N, C-alpha and C. Protein backbone atom coordinates (compact mmCIF):
# COMPACT_ATOMS: atom_id res chain seq x y z
N MET A 1 184.58 -12.53 246.68
CA MET A 1 184.87 -11.50 245.71
C MET A 1 184.68 -10.12 246.35
N VAL A 2 185.53 -9.21 245.95
CA VAL A 2 185.50 -7.85 246.49
C VAL A 2 184.53 -7.01 245.68
N GLU A 3 183.78 -6.20 246.38
CA GLU A 3 182.88 -5.25 245.73
C GLU A 3 183.62 -3.92 245.58
N TRP A 4 183.67 -3.41 244.35
CA TRP A 4 184.33 -2.14 244.07
C TRP A 4 183.29 -1.13 243.62
N THR A 5 183.37 0.07 244.17
CA THR A 5 182.51 1.13 243.67
C THR A 5 183.14 1.67 242.39
N GLU A 6 182.37 2.40 241.62
CA GLU A 6 182.92 3.00 240.40
C GLU A 6 184.03 3.98 240.76
N PHE A 7 183.86 4.72 241.86
CA PHE A 7 184.91 5.65 242.30
C PHE A 7 186.20 4.90 242.61
N GLU A 8 186.09 3.79 243.32
CA GLU A 8 187.29 3.02 243.66
C GLU A 8 187.99 2.49 242.42
N ARG A 9 187.22 1.92 241.52
CA ARG A 9 187.81 1.40 240.27
C ARG A 9 188.53 2.50 239.49
N SER A 10 187.83 3.59 239.28
CA SER A 10 188.42 4.66 238.48
C SER A 10 189.61 5.29 239.18
N THR A 11 189.57 5.37 240.50
CA THR A 11 190.68 5.93 241.26
C THR A 11 191.92 5.06 241.14
N ILE A 12 191.77 3.77 241.33
CA ILE A 12 192.91 2.84 241.23
C ILE A 12 193.49 2.88 239.82
N GLN A 13 192.63 2.82 238.83
CA GLN A 13 193.10 2.86 237.44
C GLN A 13 193.82 4.17 237.15
N SER A 14 193.31 5.26 237.64
CA SER A 14 193.92 6.57 237.42
C SER A 14 195.28 6.66 238.10
N ILE A 15 195.38 6.19 239.33
CA ILE A 15 196.67 6.22 240.04
C ILE A 15 197.73 5.48 239.24
N PHE A 16 197.40 4.30 238.76
CA PHE A 16 198.39 3.50 238.04
C PHE A 16 198.66 4.02 236.64
N GLU A 17 197.67 4.61 236.00
CA GLU A 17 197.89 5.21 234.67
C GLU A 17 198.84 6.39 234.74
N LYS A 18 198.75 7.15 235.82
CA LYS A 18 199.57 8.36 235.97
C LYS A 18 200.91 8.10 236.66
N MET A 19 201.07 6.93 237.24
CA MET A 19 202.25 6.63 238.03
C MET A 19 203.50 6.51 237.15
N ASP A 20 204.57 7.10 237.60
CA ASP A 20 205.87 6.94 236.96
C ASP A 20 206.55 5.74 237.64
N TYR A 21 206.44 4.59 237.01
CA TYR A 21 206.93 3.34 237.61
C TYR A 21 208.43 3.40 237.90
N GLU A 22 209.17 4.08 237.02
CA GLU A 22 210.63 4.16 237.18
C GLU A 22 211.02 5.06 238.35
N ASP A 23 210.10 5.85 238.85
CA ASP A 23 210.33 6.69 240.02
C ASP A 23 209.76 6.04 241.27
N VAL A 24 208.50 5.68 241.22
CA VAL A 24 207.79 5.19 242.40
C VAL A 24 208.28 3.81 242.84
N GLY A 25 208.48 2.90 241.90
CA GLY A 25 208.92 1.54 242.25
C GLY A 25 210.22 1.52 243.02
N PRO A 26 211.28 2.10 242.45
CA PRO A 26 212.55 2.13 243.19
C PRO A 26 212.45 2.90 244.51
N ALA A 27 211.74 4.01 244.51
CA ALA A 27 211.61 4.80 245.74
C ALA A 27 210.96 3.99 246.85
N ALA A 28 209.91 3.25 246.50
CA ALA A 28 209.20 2.46 247.51
C ALA A 28 210.05 1.30 248.03
N LEU A 29 210.65 0.54 247.13
CA LEU A 29 211.44 -0.60 247.59
C LEU A 29 212.68 -0.14 248.34
N CYS A 30 213.35 0.88 247.87
CA CYS A 30 214.52 1.40 248.59
C CYS A 30 214.14 1.85 250.00
N ARG A 31 213.06 2.59 250.09
CA ARG A 31 212.62 3.09 251.40
C ARG A 31 212.27 1.91 252.31
N CYS A 32 211.63 0.91 251.79
CA CYS A 32 211.28 -0.27 252.59
C CYS A 32 212.53 -0.95 253.14
N LEU A 33 213.54 -1.11 252.29
CA LEU A 33 214.78 -1.77 252.73
C LEU A 33 215.55 -0.94 253.75
N VAL A 34 215.43 0.39 253.68
CA VAL A 34 216.10 1.26 254.64
C VAL A 34 215.33 1.29 255.96
N VAL A 35 214.02 1.49 255.88
CA VAL A 35 213.20 1.63 257.09
C VAL A 35 213.07 0.30 257.84
N TYR A 36 212.96 -0.79 257.08
CA TYR A 36 212.82 -2.13 257.67
C TYR A 36 214.00 -2.99 257.21
N PRO A 37 215.17 -2.80 257.81
CA PRO A 37 216.38 -3.46 257.30
C PRO A 37 216.32 -4.98 257.29
N TRP A 38 215.49 -5.59 258.11
CA TRP A 38 215.39 -7.05 258.10
C TRP A 38 214.81 -7.57 256.79
N THR A 39 214.14 -6.71 256.04
CA THR A 39 213.61 -7.15 254.73
C THR A 39 214.72 -7.35 253.70
N GLN A 40 215.91 -6.86 254.00
CA GLN A 40 217.04 -6.99 253.07
C GLN A 40 217.47 -8.45 252.89
N ARG A 41 217.13 -9.31 253.82
CA ARG A 41 217.61 -10.70 253.76
C ARG A 41 217.14 -11.43 252.51
N TYR A 42 216.10 -10.95 251.88
CA TYR A 42 215.59 -11.59 250.66
C TYR A 42 216.33 -11.11 249.41
N PHE A 43 217.23 -10.18 249.58
CA PHE A 43 217.92 -9.58 248.45
C PHE A 43 219.44 -9.74 248.56
N GLY A 44 219.86 -10.85 249.13
CA GLY A 44 221.28 -11.11 249.34
C GLY A 44 222.11 -11.12 248.08
N ASN A 45 221.49 -11.45 246.96
CA ASN A 45 222.24 -11.49 245.69
C ASN A 45 222.21 -10.15 244.97
N PHE A 46 221.73 -9.10 245.63
CA PHE A 46 221.64 -7.77 245.02
C PHE A 46 222.88 -6.92 245.28
N GLY A 47 223.87 -7.47 245.91
CA GLY A 47 225.10 -6.72 246.14
C GLY A 47 225.05 -5.87 247.40
N ASN A 48 225.69 -4.71 247.35
CA ASN A 48 225.88 -3.84 248.51
C ASN A 48 224.56 -3.22 248.97
N LEU A 49 224.13 -3.64 250.15
CA LEU A 49 222.94 -3.06 250.80
C LEU A 49 223.30 -2.62 252.22
N TYR A 50 224.54 -2.18 252.42
CA TYR A 50 225.06 -1.93 253.76
C TYR A 50 224.56 -0.65 254.41
N ASN A 51 224.10 0.30 253.60
CA ASN A 51 223.59 1.54 254.18
C ASN A 51 222.59 2.17 253.21
N ALA A 52 221.96 3.23 253.64
CA ALA A 52 220.91 3.86 252.84
C ALA A 52 221.43 4.32 251.48
N ALA A 53 222.60 4.91 251.44
CA ALA A 53 223.16 5.39 250.17
C ALA A 53 223.39 4.23 249.20
N ALA A 54 223.89 3.12 249.72
CA ALA A 54 224.14 1.95 248.86
C ALA A 54 222.82 1.39 248.33
N ILE A 55 221.82 1.34 249.17
CA ILE A 55 220.51 0.83 248.76
C ILE A 55 219.91 1.74 247.70
N MET A 56 219.94 3.04 247.95
CA MET A 56 219.33 4.01 247.04
C MET A 56 220.01 4.02 245.66
N SER A 57 221.26 3.65 245.59
CA SER A 57 221.97 3.66 244.31
C SER A 57 222.08 2.27 243.68
N ASN A 58 221.48 1.28 244.29
CA ASN A 58 221.58 -0.10 243.80
C ASN A 58 220.62 -0.31 242.62
N LYS A 59 221.17 -0.58 241.46
CA LYS A 59 220.38 -0.75 240.24
C LYS A 59 219.48 -1.98 240.30
N MET A 60 219.91 -3.02 240.97
CA MET A 60 219.08 -4.23 241.07
C MET A 60 217.85 -3.98 241.95
N VAL A 61 218.03 -3.22 243.02
CA VAL A 61 216.89 -2.85 243.87
C VAL A 61 215.92 -2.00 243.07
N ALA A 62 216.45 -1.02 242.35
CA ALA A 62 215.59 -0.14 241.55
C ALA A 62 214.80 -0.95 240.53
N GLN A 63 215.47 -1.87 239.84
CA GLN A 63 214.78 -2.67 238.82
C GLN A 63 213.70 -3.55 239.45
N HIS A 64 213.99 -4.12 240.62
CA HIS A 64 212.98 -4.96 241.26
C HIS A 64 211.78 -4.13 241.72
N GLY A 65 212.02 -2.91 242.15
CA GLY A 65 210.91 -2.02 242.51
C GLY A 65 209.99 -1.77 241.33
N ILE A 66 210.58 -1.58 240.16
CA ILE A 66 209.81 -1.40 238.93
C ILE A 66 209.04 -2.67 238.61
N THR A 67 209.69 -3.81 238.77
CA THR A 67 209.06 -5.11 238.50
C THR A 67 207.85 -5.32 239.42
N VAL A 68 207.99 -4.96 240.68
CA VAL A 68 206.88 -5.10 241.63
C VAL A 68 205.68 -4.27 241.16
N LEU A 69 205.92 -3.04 240.77
CA LEU A 69 204.81 -2.20 240.31
C LEU A 69 204.16 -2.76 239.05
N HIS A 70 204.98 -3.24 238.13
CA HIS A 70 204.40 -3.84 236.92
C HIS A 70 203.60 -5.10 237.27
N GLY A 71 204.02 -5.79 238.31
CA GLY A 71 203.25 -6.93 238.80
C GLY A 71 201.89 -6.51 239.33
N MET A 72 201.82 -5.32 239.87
CA MET A 72 200.55 -4.80 240.38
C MET A 72 199.61 -4.43 239.24
N ASP A 73 200.16 -4.19 238.06
CA ASP A 73 199.31 -3.96 236.88
C ASP A 73 198.32 -5.10 236.68
N ARG A 74 198.78 -6.30 236.97
CA ARG A 74 197.90 -7.46 236.81
C ARG A 74 196.68 -7.36 237.71
N ALA A 75 196.87 -6.84 238.91
CA ALA A 75 195.73 -6.66 239.82
C ALA A 75 194.81 -5.56 239.33
N VAL A 76 195.40 -4.48 238.81
CA VAL A 76 194.58 -3.37 238.29
C VAL A 76 193.72 -3.87 237.13
N LYS A 77 194.27 -4.70 236.29
CA LYS A 77 193.54 -5.21 235.12
C LYS A 77 192.56 -6.32 235.47
N ASN A 78 192.71 -6.90 236.66
CA ASN A 78 191.85 -8.01 237.09
C ASN A 78 191.27 -7.76 238.48
N MET A 79 190.72 -6.57 238.67
CA MET A 79 190.25 -6.19 240.00
C MET A 79 189.14 -7.08 240.54
N ASP A 80 188.45 -7.78 239.68
CA ASP A 80 187.37 -8.66 240.14
C ASP A 80 187.86 -10.05 240.53
N ASN A 81 189.14 -10.34 240.30
CA ASN A 81 189.66 -11.66 240.62
C ASN A 81 191.15 -11.59 240.96
N ILE A 82 191.50 -10.73 241.88
CA ILE A 82 192.90 -10.53 242.25
C ILE A 82 193.49 -11.78 242.87
N LYS A 83 192.72 -12.48 243.70
CA LYS A 83 193.26 -13.68 244.36
C LYS A 83 193.71 -14.72 243.34
N ALA A 84 192.90 -14.99 242.34
CA ALA A 84 193.29 -15.96 241.32
C ALA A 84 194.45 -15.43 240.48
N THR A 85 194.45 -14.14 240.23
CA THR A 85 195.50 -13.51 239.43
C THR A 85 196.86 -13.69 240.10
N TYR A 86 196.89 -13.66 241.41
CA TYR A 86 198.15 -13.75 242.15
C TYR A 86 198.42 -15.14 242.74
N ALA A 87 197.65 -16.14 242.35
CA ALA A 87 197.83 -17.48 242.92
C ALA A 87 199.26 -17.99 242.72
N GLU A 88 199.80 -17.88 241.50
CA GLU A 88 201.16 -18.37 241.24
C GLU A 88 202.21 -17.56 242.00
N LEU A 89 202.03 -16.24 242.06
CA LEU A 89 202.98 -15.41 242.80
C LEU A 89 202.95 -15.73 244.29
N SER A 90 201.79 -16.07 244.81
CA SER A 90 201.68 -16.44 246.21
C SER A 90 202.47 -17.71 246.48
N VAL A 91 202.33 -18.69 245.61
CA VAL A 91 203.08 -19.95 245.74
C VAL A 91 204.58 -19.67 245.64
N LEU A 92 204.99 -18.89 244.66
CA LEU A 92 206.41 -18.56 244.48
C LEU A 92 206.98 -17.92 245.74
N HIS A 93 206.29 -16.91 246.27
CA HIS A 93 206.82 -16.19 247.43
C HIS A 93 206.81 -17.03 248.70
N SER A 94 205.86 -17.95 248.83
CA SER A 94 205.80 -18.74 250.05
C SER A 94 206.68 -19.99 249.97
N GLU A 95 206.62 -20.71 248.86
CA GLU A 95 207.27 -22.01 248.80
C GLU A 95 208.70 -21.98 248.26
N LYS A 96 208.99 -21.05 247.36
CA LYS A 96 210.34 -21.00 246.80
C LYS A 96 211.18 -19.91 247.46
N LEU A 97 210.64 -18.72 247.57
CA LEU A 97 211.41 -17.59 248.10
C LEU A 97 211.33 -17.48 249.63
N HIS A 98 210.31 -18.10 250.23
CA HIS A 98 210.10 -18.09 251.69
C HIS A 98 210.07 -16.67 252.27
N VAL A 99 209.35 -15.80 251.59
CA VAL A 99 209.21 -14.41 252.04
C VAL A 99 208.20 -14.36 253.17
N ASP A 100 208.56 -13.69 254.23
CA ASP A 100 207.64 -13.46 255.35
C ASP A 100 206.48 -12.62 254.82
N PRO A 101 205.24 -13.10 254.92
CA PRO A 101 204.11 -12.35 254.35
C PRO A 101 203.89 -10.99 254.99
N ASP A 102 204.41 -10.77 256.19
CA ASP A 102 204.30 -9.45 256.80
C ASP A 102 205.03 -8.39 255.98
N ASN A 103 206.01 -8.82 255.22
CA ASN A 103 206.77 -7.87 254.39
C ASN A 103 205.91 -7.26 253.29
N PHE A 104 204.90 -7.97 252.82
CA PHE A 104 203.99 -7.41 251.81
C PHE A 104 203.27 -6.18 252.38
N LYS A 105 202.85 -6.31 253.63
CA LYS A 105 202.16 -5.18 254.30
C LYS A 105 203.12 -4.01 254.48
N LEU A 106 204.35 -4.30 254.87
CA LEU A 106 205.33 -3.23 255.06
C LEU A 106 205.57 -2.48 253.75
N LEU A 107 205.74 -3.23 252.66
CA LEU A 107 205.95 -2.59 251.37
C LEU A 107 204.70 -1.82 250.94
N GLY A 108 203.53 -2.36 251.22
CA GLY A 108 202.29 -1.65 250.90
C GLY A 108 202.19 -0.32 251.64
N ASP A 109 202.58 -0.32 252.91
CA ASP A 109 202.55 0.92 253.69
C ASP A 109 203.53 1.94 253.10
N ILE A 110 204.71 1.48 252.74
CA ILE A 110 205.70 2.38 252.16
C ILE A 110 205.22 2.88 250.80
N LEU A 111 204.62 2.01 250.02
CA LEU A 111 204.11 2.42 248.71
C LEU A 111 203.05 3.51 248.88
N THR A 112 202.23 3.40 249.88
CA THR A 112 201.22 4.43 250.15
C THR A 112 201.88 5.78 250.44
N ILE A 113 202.94 5.75 251.24
CA ILE A 113 203.66 6.98 251.56
C ILE A 113 204.25 7.61 250.31
N VAL A 114 204.87 6.79 249.47
CA VAL A 114 205.51 7.31 248.26
C VAL A 114 204.45 7.85 247.29
N VAL A 115 203.37 7.12 247.10
CA VAL A 115 202.31 7.58 246.20
C VAL A 115 201.70 8.87 246.74
N ALA A 116 201.46 8.94 248.03
CA ALA A 116 200.91 10.16 248.62
C ALA A 116 201.84 11.34 248.40
N ALA A 117 203.13 11.12 248.56
CA ALA A 117 204.09 12.21 248.35
C ALA A 117 204.08 12.67 246.90
N ARG A 118 203.95 11.75 245.97
CA ARG A 118 203.96 12.11 244.55
C ARG A 118 202.67 12.81 244.14
N MET A 119 201.54 12.38 244.72
CA MET A 119 200.24 12.94 244.34
C MET A 119 199.93 14.25 245.06
N GLY A 120 200.55 14.48 246.19
CA GLY A 120 200.31 15.71 246.94
C GLY A 120 198.86 15.83 247.41
N THR A 121 198.27 17.00 247.21
CA THR A 121 196.91 17.26 247.70
C THR A 121 195.85 16.43 246.98
N ALA A 122 196.19 15.85 245.84
CA ALA A 122 195.23 14.99 245.13
C ALA A 122 195.03 13.66 245.87
N PHE A 123 195.92 13.34 246.79
CA PHE A 123 195.80 12.11 247.57
C PHE A 123 194.91 12.39 248.78
N THR A 124 193.63 12.55 248.49
CA THR A 124 192.64 12.86 249.53
C THR A 124 192.35 11.62 250.37
N ALA A 125 191.60 11.80 251.42
CA ALA A 125 191.22 10.67 252.27
C ALA A 125 190.45 9.62 251.47
N GLU A 126 189.58 10.07 250.57
CA GLU A 126 188.80 9.13 249.76
C GLU A 126 189.70 8.35 248.80
N VAL A 127 190.67 9.04 248.21
CA VAL A 127 191.63 8.37 247.32
C VAL A 127 192.46 7.38 248.12
N GLN A 128 192.91 7.79 249.29
CA GLN A 128 193.70 6.89 250.12
C GLN A 128 192.88 5.66 250.51
N ALA A 129 191.62 5.85 250.85
CA ALA A 129 190.77 4.71 251.22
C ALA A 129 190.68 3.70 250.08
N ALA A 130 190.50 4.18 248.87
CA ALA A 130 190.43 3.28 247.71
C ALA A 130 191.77 2.58 247.50
N PHE A 131 192.87 3.33 247.60
CA PHE A 131 194.20 2.76 247.40
C PHE A 131 194.51 1.73 248.48
N GLN A 132 194.18 2.04 249.73
CA GLN A 132 194.43 1.10 250.82
C GLN A 132 193.59 -0.18 250.66
N LYS A 133 192.37 -0.04 250.20
CA LYS A 133 191.52 -1.21 249.96
C LYS A 133 192.15 -2.09 248.89
N PHE A 134 192.60 -1.47 247.81
CA PHE A 134 193.25 -2.20 246.73
C PHE A 134 194.49 -2.93 247.25
N LEU A 135 195.34 -2.22 247.98
CA LEU A 135 196.56 -2.84 248.51
C LEU A 135 196.23 -3.97 249.48
N ALA A 136 195.20 -3.82 250.28
CA ALA A 136 194.82 -4.87 251.22
C ALA A 136 194.45 -6.15 250.49
N ILE A 137 193.76 -6.02 249.37
CA ILE A 137 193.38 -7.20 248.59
C ILE A 137 194.61 -7.82 247.93
N VAL A 138 195.49 -6.99 247.39
CA VAL A 138 196.73 -7.49 246.78
C VAL A 138 197.56 -8.23 247.84
N ILE A 139 197.73 -7.62 249.00
CA ILE A 139 198.53 -8.22 250.07
C ILE A 139 197.91 -9.53 250.55
N SER A 140 196.61 -9.55 250.72
CA SER A 140 195.91 -10.77 251.12
C SER A 140 196.09 -11.86 250.06
N SER A 141 196.02 -11.48 248.81
CA SER A 141 196.17 -12.45 247.71
C SER A 141 197.58 -13.01 247.66
N LEU A 142 198.57 -12.17 247.87
CA LEU A 142 199.95 -12.64 247.87
C LEU A 142 200.23 -13.56 249.06
N GLY A 143 199.55 -13.32 250.16
CA GLY A 143 199.73 -14.14 251.35
C GLY A 143 198.82 -15.34 251.44
N ARG A 144 198.00 -15.53 250.45
CA ARG A 144 196.99 -16.60 250.49
C ARG A 144 197.60 -17.98 250.66
N GLN A 145 198.71 -18.26 250.02
CA GLN A 145 199.34 -19.58 250.07
C GLN A 145 199.84 -19.90 251.49
N TYR A 146 200.06 -18.90 252.29
CA TYR A 146 200.60 -19.10 253.63
C TYR A 146 199.54 -19.62 254.60
N HIS A 147 198.28 -19.46 254.25
CA HIS A 147 197.20 -19.82 255.18
C HIS A 147 196.84 -21.27 255.10
């Protein structure tokens, strides 16, 4: 079990309470697909992903980015048991979708960049440390089935 300080808990909850999911989700997933084009292979049924403009305007990509962030709500609400919370998603991503678990880390890194850009100077080193810790646990939990 992960030990969370009160600062970490309140910081994570605050980030997600203030987050505009319809902005951050699509921005993060689109950026991930552009920066790491090999991640596009999991989205073959999403239509045109041939270039950055097509990815950025793809409604299915945008919707999935929002879905991913709403999926993270479950971790925010269950910070004391994220691994169990994501057990089914881990199985889905490993056994049915066959997603390379390294892609979770890539998306987490991109999400950090997008959140930092949106928060500006409020994204201090201490806030980033709490956010990175949270993402590390989420990523580990999603990759648990692979081990």
